Amino acid sequence: MGTVFSFDVRDRATERVRQGLADAVAWLHHVDRVFSTYREDSAVSRLRRGETTPERCPAEVAEVLALCEHARRDTDGYFSAAPDGRLDPSGLVKGWAVERASWLLHNAGAHNTSVNGGGDIQLRGESAPGTPWRVGVAHPLRPGELVAVAEGNDLAVATSGTAERGAHILDPHTGRPARGLLSVTVTGRHLTWADVLATAVFAKGSATLPGTARAAGYEVLAVTPGGEVRHSDGFPAPRPR
């Protein structure tokens, strides 16, 4: 998928946990084979060229396309699986794949884990007994500095922005690169939707989440081109003691 994945497992490395990790890695390789837009032979690449149909693709393709349509409706079209008119569900696939890899580990008995896919992270349990996970949010204007730290248990953290790949996120309503914000970080329970919402908020260029997302417990932090930091009241940054 054109990025790096990593696992941090804080549970005892039993044989069952090791197998769960192997299954999670195998799952991510499978997702890459099916969905990668970097691979000419992936199902999505063949689908976008008109060489196959969703019905003839692996079952996960239909699942992802249905989730993408759900996301499009819930974000007033600011999330799209075809922002430039060509199929590209990458804005949902990475978070969805990481979240499922995290569940594979959980079901294997690893209940305190971090799965990181290119900076989009699904956290479960604790980093140590009584200690929540802490995730630094990079400052888009100051390399090596953090704009915030997200803290919590059973938390998903997703960031969209221009720092790593430039202006690559399109506003589906205009077909042009979105430039209203420099970065958007969304936190919540599920990485699938945190990833979608980070992309949609960035595309919209306004640091506001859809009402349904706020009601579901998702929070947002955004950095404007002028360096102003805006965040929702519930963003899980640790408070000064």
Protein backbone atom coordinates (compact mmCIF):
# COMPACT_ATOMS: atom_id res chain seq x y z
CA MET A 1 0.00 0.00 0.00
CA GLY A 2 2.97 2.28 -0.44
CA THR A 3 3.69 2.69 3.26
CA VAL A 4 5.20 0.98 6.32
CA PHE A 5 3.25 -1.06 8.90
CA SER A 6 4.42 -1.89 12.41
CA PHE A 7 3.15 -3.84 15.41
CA ASP A 8 3.79 -3.16 19.11
CA VAL A 9 2.52 -6.07 21.23
CA ARG A 10 2.76 -5.63 25.01
CA ASP A 11 1.30 -9.03 25.91
CA ARG A 12 3.25 -12.20 26.63
CA ALA A 13 4.40 -13.81 23.38
CA THR A 14 2.50 -17.10 23.61
CA GLU A 15 2.29 -19.40 20.61
CA ARG A 16 -1.29 -18.25 20.07
CA VAL A 17 -0.23 -14.59 20.06
CA ARG A 18 2.60 -15.35 17.63
CA GLN A 19 0.12 -17.04 15.31
CA GLY A 20 -2.21 -14.05 15.61
CA LEU A 21 0.63 -11.76 14.59
CA ALA A 22 1.43 -13.99 11.61
CA ASP A 23 -2.25 -13.94 10.61
CA ALA A 24 -2.34 -10.13 10.89
CA VAL A 25 0.72 -9.78 8.66
CA ALA A 26 -0.75 -12.22 6.14
CA TRP A 27 -4.01 -10.26 6.16
CA LEU A 28 -2.19 -7.00 5.33
CA HIS A 29 -0.34 -8.67 2.44
CA HIS A 30 -3.69 -9.96 1.16
CA VAL A 31 -5.18 -6.45 1.35
CA ASP A 32 -2.20 -5.12 -0.59
CA ARG A 33 -2.69 -7.70 -3.33
CA VAL A 34 -6.39 -6.85 -3.62
CA PHE A 35 -6.49 -3.08 -3.12
CA SER A 36 -3.12 -1.54 -3.89
CA THR A 37 -3.25 1.11 -6.61
CA TYR A 38 0.53 0.65 -6.92
CA ARG A 39 0.10 -2.90 -8.25
CA GLU A 40 -1.05 -3.32 -11.83
CA ASP A 41 -2.43 -6.79 -11.04
CA SER A 42 -4.48 -5.87 -7.95
CA ALA A 43 -8.25 -6.32 -8.09
CA VAL A 44 -8.78 -2.57 -7.67
CA SER A 45 -6.35 -1.73 -10.49
CA ARG A 46 -8.11 -4.20 -12.77
CA LEU A 47 -11.51 -2.88 -11.68
CA ARG A 48 -10.59 0.73 -12.39
CA ARG A 49 -9.37 -0.29 -15.87
CA GLY A 50 -12.70 -2.01 -16.55
CA GLU A 51 -11.13 -5.48 -16.82
CA THR A 52 -13.35 -7.01 -14.14
CA THR A 53 -16.48 -6.34 -12.07
CA PRO A 54 -17.02 -6.08 -8.30
CA GLU A 55 -18.87 -9.42 -8.40
CA ARG A 56 -15.81 -11.16 -9.85
CA CYS A 57 -13.41 -9.61 -7.31
CA PRO A 58 -12.58 -11.00 -3.84
CA ALA A 59 -15.46 -10.52 -1.39
CA GLU A 60 -13.62 -7.74 0.46
CA VAL A 61 -14.00 -5.44 -2.55
CA ALA A 62 -17.78 -5.35 -2.28
CA GLU A 63 -17.49 -4.78 1.48
CA VAL A 64 -15.13 -1.84 1.01
CA LEU A 65 -17.20 -0.29 -1.78
CA ALA A 66 -20.29 -0.45 0.45
CA LEU A 67 -18.37 1.20 3.30
CA CYS A 68 -17.13 3.90 0.91
CA GLU A 69 -20.69 4.67 -0.18
CA HIS A 70 -21.75 4.88 3.47
CA ALA A 71 -18.84 7.26 4.12
CA ARG A 72 -19.72 9.40 1.09
CA ARG A 73 -23.27 9.87 2.34
CA ASP A 74 -22.24 10.61 5.93
CA THR A 75 -19.67 13.24 4.91
CA ASP A 76 -21.79 15.10 2.34
CA GLY A 77 -19.55 13.80 -0.39
CA TYR A 78 -16.27 15.09 1.07
CA PHE A 79 -15.08 11.51 1.27
CA SER A 80 -15.15 9.75 -2.08
CA ALA A 81 -13.76 6.49 -3.43
CA ALA A 82 -13.31 8.26 -6.77
CA PRO A 83 -12.33 11.87 -6.00
CA ASP A 84 -10.88 12.40 -9.49
CA GLY A 85 -13.37 10.17 -11.28
CA ARG A 86 -11.19 7.04 -11.01
CA LEU A 87 -11.73 4.35 -8.39
CA ASP A 88 -9.37 4.71 -5.44
CA PRO A 89 -10.72 3.54 -2.06
CA SER A 90 -7.33 4.03 -0.36
CA GLY A 91 -8.74 6.69 1.97
CA LEU A 92 -10.76 3.97 3.69
CA VAL A 93 -8.81 0.79 2.99
CA LYS A 94 -5.75 1.50 5.12
CA GLY A 95 -7.69 2.25 8.30
CA TRP A 96 -10.05 -0.66 7.67
CA ALA A 97 -7.14 -3.05 7.09
CA VAL A 98 -5.24 -1.93 10.19
CA GLU A 99 -8.35 -2.14 12.36
CA ARG A 100 -8.99 -5.72 11.21
CA ALA A 101 -5.33 -6.65 11.78
CA SER A 102 -5.71 -5.30 15.31
CA TRP A 103 -8.80 -7.47 15.83
CA LEU A 104 -6.90 -10.56 14.66
CA LEU A 105 -4.33 -9.90 17.36
CA HIS A 106 -7.03 -9.26 19.96
CA ASN A 107 -8.84 -12.48 19.11
CA ALA A 108 -5.53 -14.34 19.49
CA GLY A 109 -5.19 -13.09 23.07
CA ALA A 110 -3.09 -9.94 22.52
CA HIS A 111 -5.19 -7.30 24.27
CA ASN A 112 -2.56 -4.55 24.65
CA THR A 113 -1.35 -3.65 21.19
CA SER A 114 -0.61 -0.86 18.76
CA VAL A 115 -0.91 -1.45 15.01
CA ASN A 116 0.47 1.41 12.93
CA GLY A 117 -0.13 1.76 9.20
CA GLY A 118 1.72 4.78 7.85
CA GLY A 119 0.86 6.87 10.92
CA ASP A 120 -2.74 5.72 11.24
CA ILE A 121 -2.91 3.76 14.48
CA GLN A 122 -5.31 1.38 16.20
CA LEU A 123 -4.59 1.04 19.91
CA ARG A 124 -6.00 -1.58 22.27
CA GLY A 125 -5.68 -1.91 26.01
CA GLU A 126 -2.76 -0.20 27.71
CA SER A 127 0.89 0.46 26.93
CA ALA A 128 1.70 -0.81 30.45
CA PRO A 129 -0.44 -1.68 33.50
CA GLY A 130 -2.28 1.51 34.45
CA THR A 131 -0.65 3.52 31.64
CA PRO A 132 -2.57 4.66 28.55
CA TRP A 133 -1.07 4.76 25.09
CA ARG A 134 0.32 8.13 23.95
CA VAL A 135 0.57 9.10 20.27
CA GLY A 136 2.42 12.20 19.12
CA VAL A 137 0.85 14.29 16.37
CA ALA A 138 3.55 15.78 14.14
CA HIS A 139 3.56 19.52 13.53
CA PRO A 140 3.16 20.06 9.76
CA LEU A 141 5.23 23.28 9.79
CA ARG A 142 7.98 22.32 12.23
CA PRO A 143 9.73 19.02 11.41
CA GLY A 144 10.63 17.08 14.54
CA GLU A 145 8.08 18.90 16.72
CA LEU A 146 4.69 17.76 17.98
CA VAL A 147 1.53 19.81 17.80
CA ALA A 148 -0.24 17.57 20.33
CA VAL A 149 -0.22 14.18 22.04
CA ALA A 150 -3.30 11.96 21.90
CA GLU A 151 -3.71 9.74 24.95
CA GLY A 152 -6.06 6.88 25.70
CA ASN A 153 -6.94 3.20 25.78
CA ASP A 154 -8.76 1.40 22.94
CA LEU A 155 -8.22 4.44 20.74
CA ALA A 156 -7.80 5.02 17.00
CA VAL A 157 -5.72 7.94 15.70
CA ALA A 158 -5.69 8.93 12.01
CA THR A 159 -3.97 11.90 10.37
CA SER A 160 -4.34 13.37 6.89
CA GLY A 161 -2.15 16.18 5.62
CA THR A 162 0.45 17.51 3.22
CA ALA A 163 3.65 17.06 5.24
CA GLU A 164 4.66 13.66 3.82
CA ARG A 165 3.11 13.53 0.34
CA GLY A 166 2.31 17.12 -0.55
CA ALA A 167 -1.15 18.23 -1.76
CA HIS A 168 -2.46 14.77 -2.65
CA ILE A 169 -5.95 14.91 -1.11
CA LEU A 170 -8.61 16.15 -3.53
CA ASP A 171 -11.83 17.95 -2.78
CA PRO A 172 -14.29 15.63 -4.58
CA HIS A 173 -16.63 18.56 -5.24
CA THR A 174 -14.04 20.45 -7.28
CA GLY A 175 -11.54 17.75 -8.29
CA ARG A 176 -8.71 20.03 -7.11
CA PRO A 177 -6.25 19.58 -4.23
CA ALA A 178 -7.68 20.66 -0.88
CA ARG A 179 -5.67 23.54 0.62
CA GLY A 180 -7.78 24.86 3.48
CA LEU A 181 -5.83 22.97 6.16
CA LEU A 182 -2.31 21.60 6.60
CA SER A 183 -3.19 18.59 8.72
CA VAL A 184 -6.17 16.91 10.35
CA THR A 185 -6.05 14.31 13.11
CA VAL A 186 -9.17 12.42 14.13
CA THR A 187 -9.51 10.16 17.15
CA GLY A 188 -12.23 7.71 18.08
CA ARG A 189 -12.99 4.06 18.67
CA HIS A 190 -12.58 2.66 15.15
CA LEU A 191 -9.71 3.42 12.78
CA THR A 192 -11.85 2.72 9.70
CA TRP A 193 -13.98 5.78 10.44
CA ALA A 194 -11.24 7.91 11.97
CA ASP A 195 -9.31 7.50 8.70
CA VAL A 196 -12.37 8.37 6.59
CA LEU A 197 -13.18 11.41 8.71
CA ALA A 198 -9.60 12.74 8.64
CA THR A 199 -9.68 12.59 4.84
CA ALA A 200 -13.15 14.20 4.64
CA VAL A 201 -12.37 17.04 7.05
CA PHE A 202 -9.13 17.77 5.21
CA ALA A 203 -10.95 17.78 1.86
CA LYS A 204 -13.59 20.13 3.24
CA GLY A 205 -10.96 22.48 4.65
CA SER A 206 -12.90 23.21 7.81
CA ALA A 207 -12.02 21.74 11.22
CA THR A 208 -15.50 20.39 11.89
CA LEU A 209 -16.76 16.82 11.99
CA PRO A 210 -20.16 15.70 10.73
CA GLY A 211 -22.70 15.70 13.54
CA THR A 212 -23.03 11.92 13.40
CA ALA A 213 -19.29 11.55 14.00
CA ARG A 214 -19.28 13.85 17.05
CA ALA A 215 -22.27 11.96 18.42
CA ALA A 216 -20.31 8.71 18.01
CA GLY A 217 -17.40 10.07 20.05
CA TYR A 218 -14.95 11.11 17.33
CA GLU A 219 -12.79 14.19 17.93
CA VAL A 220 -10.68 16.37 15.65
CA LEU A 221 -7.53 18.50 15.73
CA ALA A 222 -6.51 20.59 12.72
CA VAL A 223 -3.67 22.92 11.79
CA THR A 224 -4.37 25.81 9.41
CA PRO A 225 -1.92 27.10 6.77
CA GLY A 226 -1.15 29.96 9.16
CA GLY A 227 -0.17 27.53 11.92
CA GLU A 228 -3.29 27.98 14.06
CA VAL A 229 -4.30 24.84 15.96
CA ARG A 230 -8.00 24.12 16.26
CA HIS A 231 -9.53 21.16 18.07
CA SER A 232 -12.80 19.90 19.42
CA ASP A 233 -13.36 20.10 23.17
CA GLY A 234 -13.09 16.34 23.63
CA PHE A 235 -9.81 15.78 21.78
CA PRO A 236 -7.97 13.31 24.05
CA ALA A 237 -4.85 15.36 24.78
CA PRO A 238 -3.50 14.90 28.32
CA ARG A 239 -4.35 17.83 30.57
CA PRO A 240 -1.70 19.55 32.71
CA ARG A 241 -1.48 18.09 36.19
